[in-house]
Amino acid sequence: MPRFIAPQLSLSVTAPPEGPDWAHEIKLDGYRLHARLERGRVKLLTRTGLDWTPRYETMAAAVAALDARGLYLDGEICAVHEDGVTSFPELQAATEAHLTAGLVYFVFDLLFLDGRDWRVAPLRERKEALRRLLVGVAPPLVFADHHEGEGGRFFKAVCGAKAEGVISKRIDAAYVSGNRGLWRKAKCYNREEFVICGYSRPEGERAHLGALLLAYYDEAGHLRYAGRAGTGMSDRTLRRLHERLEPLRTAKMPLDLPPPGTTRYGTPVELSRVNWVRPELVCEVRFLTWTADGLLRDVSFEGLREDKPAREVRRSQPASPPS
């Protein structure tokens, strides 16, 4: 069993695929984590291989209690709101406060079990084996079920329940690290990750900082300005963000091109009021749309993403599904 398996990724599309060859799951709003059990020892690994076991000891103990000598699971750790929808801000708050006992690890794939490599098996067989493994197992471990076929109808129901979106997977395909279009994600609303490249100074009664300046790397490796996030932050969040950003301050603007002097929506960035930072922190935001001049509109901060390196942040653009 490998020490780490690069996760299978999903292609962004505008709508889920139709047909009986596709299984559809609710897109979860949490941290993607692999769980590896060998000789009674559990490791919880992020999508880049970081060991986050100490953060979620309750999850590790639940995996260790499974009826298996060795296994490798794929899933997502989440905070579940009282309405049943997963919430990334609540997950981050619980993690920072070390109150993780109430979190849930939704398991949606089985890669290894007692010496057998399940990656080569079709998804349908992997999920059935995973279902058998988790029979009678109580939270924090939860089997992430799916619905076969009727992608459009499932998507409409998920969006109606105010969930984030749908992950569609080829039911007959093996597990393949990376993105091959065998998994596809369709979102009910726009939500993406961006690099924090600076912040404006506070005005009025607001403390610590004004708005976060956001950016992403283009295909040539240039850091491009994307817009600002000034809402969605409590006083406590503003203080914690300022504590994280202050040591990263730099006199040099990290962007390849400065923010535009005027924008169609909102006010222009006053560079004299900006504190630039080294582009190391990644955050997730919710936004209405991209403007014609390539900026985010109506942006709200959701939380920091510590599971993704800044250099991997790209502008996500839904593609036409491959044939």
Protein backbone atom coordinates (compact mmCIF):
# COMPACT_ATOMS: atom_id res chain seq x y z
CA MET A 1 0.00 0.00 0.00
CA PRO A 2 1.53 3.36 -1.00
CA ARG A 3 2.34 5.91 1.68
CA PHE A 4 0.43 8.54 -0.28
CA ILE A 5 -1.87 8.45 -3.33
CA ALA A 6 -2.43 11.64 -5.29
CA PRO A 7 -6.21 12.19 -5.28
CA GLN A 8 -8.47 11.92 -8.28
CA LEU A 9 -9.64 15.41 -9.27
CA SER A 10 -12.75 16.71 -10.99
CA LEU A 11 -13.32 18.78 -14.12
CA SER A 12 -15.48 21.90 -13.71
CA VAL A 13 -18.58 21.80 -15.94
CA THR A 14 -21.70 23.90 -16.18
CA ALA A 15 -24.12 21.00 -15.65
CA PRO A 16 -23.90 17.34 -14.58
CA PRO A 17 -23.79 14.70 -17.33
CA GLU A 18 -26.87 12.61 -18.08
CA GLY A 19 -27.16 8.88 -18.59
CA PRO A 20 -26.92 5.66 -16.55
CA ASP A 21 -23.09 5.58 -16.66
CA TRP A 22 -22.79 8.37 -14.11
CA ALA A 23 -23.07 8.37 -10.31
CA HIS A 24 -23.87 11.70 -8.68
CA GLU A 25 -22.85 12.75 -5.17
CA ILE A 26 -23.53 15.94 -3.24
CA LYS A 27 -20.48 18.19 -3.41
CA LEU A 28 -19.20 18.55 0.13
CA ASP A 29 -17.90 21.80 1.58
CA GLY A 30 -14.90 20.77 3.66
CA TYR A 31 -11.31 19.52 3.59
CA ARG A 32 -10.45 16.64 1.27
CA LEU A 33 -8.65 14.02 3.37
CA HIS A 34 -7.25 10.56 2.74
CA ALA A 35 -7.25 8.14 5.69
CA ARG A 36 -4.46 5.55 5.74
CA LEU A 37 -4.48 2.68 8.27
CA GLU A 38 -1.56 0.28 8.62
CA ARG A 39 -0.60 -1.85 11.65
CA GLY A 40 -3.08 0.05 13.83
CA ARG A 41 -1.63 3.44 12.95
CA VAL A 42 -3.76 6.04 11.14
CA LYS A 43 -2.66 9.02 9.12
CA LEU A 44 -5.01 11.67 7.76
CA LEU A 45 -3.45 13.21 4.66
CA THR A 46 -4.43 16.34 2.73
CA ARG A 47 -4.65 16.42 -1.05
CA THR A 48 -0.98 17.46 -1.14
CA GLY A 49 0.16 14.83 1.36
CA LEU A 50 0.34 16.94 4.54
CA ASP A 51 -0.24 14.97 7.75
CA TRP A 52 -3.24 16.47 9.55
CA THR A 53 -3.81 13.58 11.96
CA PRO A 54 -3.16 15.70 15.10
CA ARG A 55 -5.90 18.13 14.05
CA TYR A 56 -8.60 15.48 13.85
CA GLU A 57 -7.78 12.82 16.43
CA THR A 58 -11.44 11.79 16.77
CA MET A 59 -11.53 10.88 13.06
CA ALA A 60 -8.27 8.98 13.31
CA ALA A 61 -9.58 6.95 16.24
CA ALA A 62 -12.77 6.10 14.34
CA VAL A 63 -10.76 4.88 11.34
CA ALA A 64 -8.50 2.82 13.60
CA ALA A 65 -11.58 1.08 15.03
CA LEU A 66 -12.72 -0.23 11.63
CA ASP A 67 -12.63 -3.98 10.99
CA ALA A 68 -9.54 -3.92 8.79
CA ARG A 69 -5.82 -4.67 9.07
CA GLY A 70 -4.94 -2.04 6.51
CA LEU A 71 -6.91 0.36 4.34
CA TYR A 72 -6.77 3.62 2.40
CA LEU A 73 -9.91 5.77 2.18
CA ASP A 74 -10.81 8.91 0.26
CA GLY A 75 -13.28 11.37 1.70
CA GLU A 76 -13.94 14.83 3.09
CA ILE A 77 -14.08 16.13 6.63
CA CYS A 78 -16.94 18.57 7.18
CA ALA A 79 -18.97 20.52 9.66
CA VAL A 80 -22.65 19.83 9.19
CA HIS A 81 -25.03 22.72 9.79
CA GLU A 82 -28.32 22.08 11.54
CA ASP A 83 -30.11 22.22 8.16
CA GLY A 84 -28.00 19.27 6.98
CA VAL A 85 -25.76 21.27 4.63
CA THR A 86 -21.99 21.20 5.11
CA SER A 87 -20.35 24.51 6.03
CA PHE A 88 -16.70 25.38 5.44
CA PRO A 89 -16.70 28.46 7.75
CA GLU A 90 -18.04 26.29 10.59
CA LEU A 91 -15.39 23.64 9.85
CA GLN A 92 -12.63 26.22 10.00
CA ALA A 93 -13.98 27.71 13.22
CA ALA A 94 -14.15 24.26 14.86
CA THR A 95 -10.63 23.42 13.71
CA GLU A 96 -9.14 26.69 15.00
CA ALA A 97 -10.90 26.27 18.36
CA HIS A 98 -9.84 22.58 18.61
CA LEU A 99 -13.52 21.60 18.91
CA THR A 100 -13.44 18.85 16.29
CA ALA A 101 -15.36 16.06 18.04
CA GLY A 102 -18.61 17.05 16.31
CA LEU A 103 -17.19 16.99 12.78
CA VAL A 104 -18.02 14.29 10.23
CA TYR A 105 -15.74 12.37 7.87
CA PHE A 106 -17.78 11.57 4.74
CA VAL A 107 -16.07 8.60 3.03
CA PHE A 108 -16.77 8.26 -0.70
CA ASP A 109 -14.07 5.93 -2.03
CA LEU A 110 -12.04 2.85 -1.11
CA LEU A 111 -8.54 2.57 -2.58
CA PHE A 112 -6.96 -0.25 -0.53
CA LEU A 113 -8.31 -2.87 1.88
CA ASP A 114 -6.34 -5.67 3.56
CA GLY A 115 -3.74 -5.97 0.84
CA ARG A 116 -6.06 -5.56 -2.15
CA ASP A 117 -5.66 -2.60 -4.50
CA TRP A 118 -9.21 -1.44 -5.20
CA ARG A 119 -8.16 1.44 -7.47
CA VAL A 120 -8.35 -0.78 -10.55
CA ALA A 121 -11.95 -1.79 -9.80
CA PRO A 122 -14.94 0.13 -11.22
CA LEU A 123 -16.41 2.80 -8.96
CA ARG A 124 -19.61 0.78 -8.50
CA GLU A 125 -17.64 -2.12 -7.00
CA ARG A 126 -15.46 0.16 -4.86
CA LYS A 127 -18.46 1.90 -3.34
CA GLU A 128 -20.26 -1.38 -2.67
CA ALA A 129 -17.18 -2.71 -0.85
CA LEU A 130 -16.97 0.58 1.07
CA ARG A 131 -20.64 0.34 2.01
CA ARG A 132 -20.08 -3.16 3.45
CA LEU A 133 -17.06 -1.93 5.40
CA LEU A 134 -19.08 0.89 7.01
CA VAL A 135 -22.24 -1.11 7.82
CA GLY A 136 -23.15 -0.43 11.44
CA VAL A 137 -20.44 2.24 11.82
CA ALA A 138 -21.66 5.41 13.51
CA PRO A 139 -20.50 9.01 13.01
CA PRO A 140 -18.01 10.59 12.76
CA LEU A 141 -17.59 8.16 9.84
CA VAL A 142 -20.40 8.40 7.29
CA PHE A 143 -20.75 6.61 3.96
CA ALA A 144 -21.22 9.19 1.18
CA ASP A 145 -23.99 7.70 -0.93
CA HIS A 146 -24.78 8.51 -4.55
CA HIS A 147 -27.58 8.57 -7.10
CA GLU A 148 -27.17 6.91 -10.49
CA GLY A 149 -28.46 8.67 -13.61
CA GLU A 150 -30.79 11.69 -13.77
CA GLY A 151 -27.95 14.19 -13.39
CA GLY A 152 -30.05 17.26 -14.14
CA ARG A 153 -32.82 16.28 -11.77
CA PHE A 154 -30.35 15.48 -8.99
CA PHE A 155 -28.56 18.81 -9.54
CA LYS A 156 -31.83 20.74 -9.27
CA ALA A 157 -32.69 19.00 -5.99
CA VAL A 158 -29.24 19.62 -4.52
CA CYS A 159 -29.29 23.32 -5.42
CA GLY A 160 -32.81 23.57 -3.98
CA ALA A 161 -31.43 22.27 -0.69
CA LYS A 162 -28.80 25.07 -0.78
CA ALA A 163 -25.88 22.66 -1.05
CA GLU A 164 -22.75 23.65 -2.97
CA GLY A 165 -23.19 21.45 -6.02
CA VAL A 166 -22.79 17.96 -7.48
CA ILE A 167 -19.82 15.68 -8.17
CA SER A 168 -20.52 13.27 -11.05
CA LYS A 169 -18.35 10.16 -11.50
CA ARG A 170 -18.17 7.46 -14.14
CA ILE A 171 -19.65 4.45 -12.42
CA ASP A 172 -17.58 1.98 -14.49
CA ALA A 173 -14.19 3.74 -14.21
CA ALA A 174 -11.13 2.97 -12.10
CA TYR A 175 -9.62 5.44 -9.63
CA VAL A 176 -7.09 7.59 -11.48
CA SER A 177 -4.95 10.22 -9.77
CA GLY A 178 -5.23 13.67 -11.34
CA ASN A 179 -7.94 15.01 -13.63
CA ARG A 180 -9.07 12.90 -16.57
CA GLY A 181 -12.63 14.16 -16.84
CA LEU A 182 -13.93 10.97 -15.24
CA TRP A 183 -15.10 13.06 -12.30
CA ARG A 184 -16.94 16.32 -12.98
CA LYS A 185 -18.21 19.04 -10.68
CA ALA A 186 -21.12 21.39 -11.29
CA LYS A 187 -21.66 24.17 -8.75
CA CYS A 188 -24.92 25.74 -7.68
CA TYR A 189 -23.13 29.05 -7.07
CA ASN A 190 -19.69 30.52 -7.64
CA ARG A 191 -17.10 29.70 -5.04
CA GLU A 192 -13.35 29.58 -5.66
CA GLU A 193 -9.93 29.83 -4.04
CA PHE A 194 -7.65 32.84 -4.45
CA VAL A 195 -4.24 33.99 -3.27
CA ILE A 196 -4.18 36.94 -0.85
CA CYS A 197 -1.70 39.46 -2.27
CA GLY A 198 -2.46 42.42 0.01
CA TYR A 199 -5.02 44.19 2.16
CA SER A 200 -6.31 47.73 2.44
CA ARG A 201 -6.11 49.68 5.66
CA PRO A 202 -9.30 49.96 7.71
CA GLU A 203 -11.56 52.98 7.62
CA GLY A 204 -14.16 54.30 10.05
CA GLU A 205 -15.06 51.96 12.92
CA ARG A 206 -13.65 48.87 11.21
CA ALA A 207 -10.56 47.42 12.89
CA HIS A 208 -7.45 45.55 11.71
CA LEU A 209 -7.96 45.64 7.93
CA GLY A 210 -10.33 46.86 5.23
CA ALA A 211 -10.54 44.42 2.31
CA LEU A 212 -8.41 41.53 1.09
CA LEU A 213 -6.83 41.88 -2.35
CA LEU A 214 -7.18 38.64 -4.29
CA ALA A 215 -5.18 37.13 -7.13
CA TYR A 216 -4.57 33.91 -9.08
CA TYR A 217 -1.76 32.49 -11.21
CA ASP A 218 -2.31 32.30 -14.96
CA GLU A 219 -0.92 29.50 -17.13
CA ALA A 220 2.33 31.43 -17.64
CA GLY A 221 2.87 31.65 -13.88
CA HIS A 222 2.03 35.36 -13.59
CA LEU A 223 0.09 36.55 -10.55
CA ARG A 224 -3.04 38.33 -11.77
CA TYR A 225 -5.28 40.64 -9.75
CA ALA A 226 -8.84 39.31 -9.34
CA GLY A 227 -10.63 41.77 -7.07
CA ARG A 228 -11.36 42.42 -3.40
CA ALA A 229 -13.21 40.72 -0.56
CA GLY A 230 -14.45 43.08 2.11
CA THR A 231 -17.49 41.28 3.54
CA GLY A 232 -18.06 37.99 5.34
CA MET A 233 -15.51 38.70 8.11
CA SER A 234 -16.38 39.06 11.78
CA ASP A 235 -14.28 41.17 14.15
CA ARG A 236 -12.59 37.98 15.35
CA THR A 237 -11.85 36.91 11.77
CA LEU A 238 -10.44 40.35 10.93
CA ARG A 239 -8.13 40.16 13.92
CA ARG A 240 -6.90 36.64 13.09
CA LEU A 241 -6.37 37.53 9.43
CA HIS A 242 -4.36 40.58 10.41
CA GLU A 243 -2.21 38.40 12.69
CA ARG A 244 -1.51 36.01 9.82
CA LEU A 245 -0.90 38.71 7.20
CA GLU A 246 1.24 41.14 9.19
CA PRO A 247 4.39 38.93 9.15
CA LEU A 248 4.01 38.56 5.36
CA ARG A 249 4.10 42.28 4.61
CA THR A 250 6.46 43.37 1.85
CA ALA A 251 7.26 46.69 0.20
CA LYS A 252 7.19 45.10 -3.25
CA MET A 253 3.88 44.57 -5.02
CA PRO A 254 3.65 40.81 -5.79
CA LEU A 255 1.36 41.28 -8.80
CA ASP A 256 2.79 41.30 -12.32
CA LEU A 257 0.43 44.17 -13.18
CA PRO A 258 -1.11 46.62 -10.70
CA PRO A 259 -4.86 46.61 -10.06
CA PRO A 260 -6.82 48.72 -12.56
CA GLY A 261 -7.26 52.35 -11.60
CA THR A 262 -10.97 52.24 -12.35
CA THR A 263 -13.46 49.41 -12.35
CA ARG A 264 -16.97 49.09 -13.62
CA TYR A 265 -18.22 47.78 -10.29
CA GLY A 266 -17.23 49.22 -6.92
CA THR A 267 -14.47 51.70 -6.18
CA PRO A 268 -10.92 51.62 -7.55
CA VAL A 269 -8.07 50.33 -5.44
CA GLU A 270 -6.19 53.17 -3.75
CA LEU A 271 -2.63 51.85 -3.86
CA SER A 272 -1.52 54.33 -1.21
CA ARG A 273 -3.82 52.55 1.27
CA VAL A 274 -2.67 49.02 0.44
CA ASN A 275 -0.32 46.83 2.47
CA TRP A 276 1.20 44.26 0.12
CA VAL A 277 1.98 40.76 1.40
CA ARG A 278 3.95 37.83 0.08
CA PRO A 279 1.49 35.59 -1.86
CA GLU A 280 1.48 32.65 0.54
CA LEU A 281 -2.02 32.50 2.05
CA VAL A 282 -4.98 31.06 0.14
CA CYS A 283 -8.60 31.90 0.91
CA GLU A 284 -11.95 30.77 -0.38
CA VAL A 285 -14.60 33.30 -1.38
CA ARG A 286 -18.13 33.30 -2.69
CA PHE A 287 -18.94 35.69 -5.52
CA LEU A 288 -21.72 36.60 -7.94
CA THR A 289 -19.84 36.55 -11.24
CA TRP A 290 -16.76 37.64 -13.19
CA THR A 291 -17.02 41.03 -14.88
CA ALA A 292 -16.11 41.65 -18.52
CA ASP A 293 -12.79 43.17 -17.41
CA GLY A 294 -11.83 40.03 -15.48
CA LEU A 295 -12.69 41.03 -11.91
CA LEU A 296 -14.83 39.40 -9.25
CA ARG A 297 -18.18 40.98 -8.43
CA ASP A 298 -20.00 40.91 -5.05
CA VAL A 299 -17.33 38.96 -3.16
CA SER A 300 -17.71 37.48 0.33
CA PHE A 301 -14.91 35.88 2.38
CA GLU A 302 -15.51 32.25 3.46
CA GLY A 303 -12.23 31.21 5.10
CA LEU A 304 -8.56 30.38 4.69
CA ARG A 305 -7.56 27.23 2.78
CA GLU A 306 -4.50 25.72 4.39
CA ASP A 307 -4.71 22.54 2.32
CA LYS A 308 -3.73 24.11 -1.02
CA PRO A 309 -0.40 25.73 -1.98
CA ALA A 310 -0.69 29.25 -3.35
CA ARG A 311 1.19 28.33 -6.53
CA GLU A 312 -1.60 25.89 -7.50
CA VAL A 313 -4.35 28.52 -7.48
CA ARG A 314 -5.73 29.06 -10.97
CA ARG A 315 -8.84 30.77 -12.28
CA SER A 316 -11.47 28.06 -12.62
CA GLN A 317 -13.50 28.17 -15.79
CA PRO A 318 -16.14 25.50 -16.42
CA ALA A 319 -15.34 23.55 -19.55
CA SER A 320 -17.47 21.82 -22.11
CA PRO A 321 -17.44 18.14 -21.13
CA PRO A 322 -15.16 15.98 -23.29
CA SER A 323 -16.84 13.40 -25.48
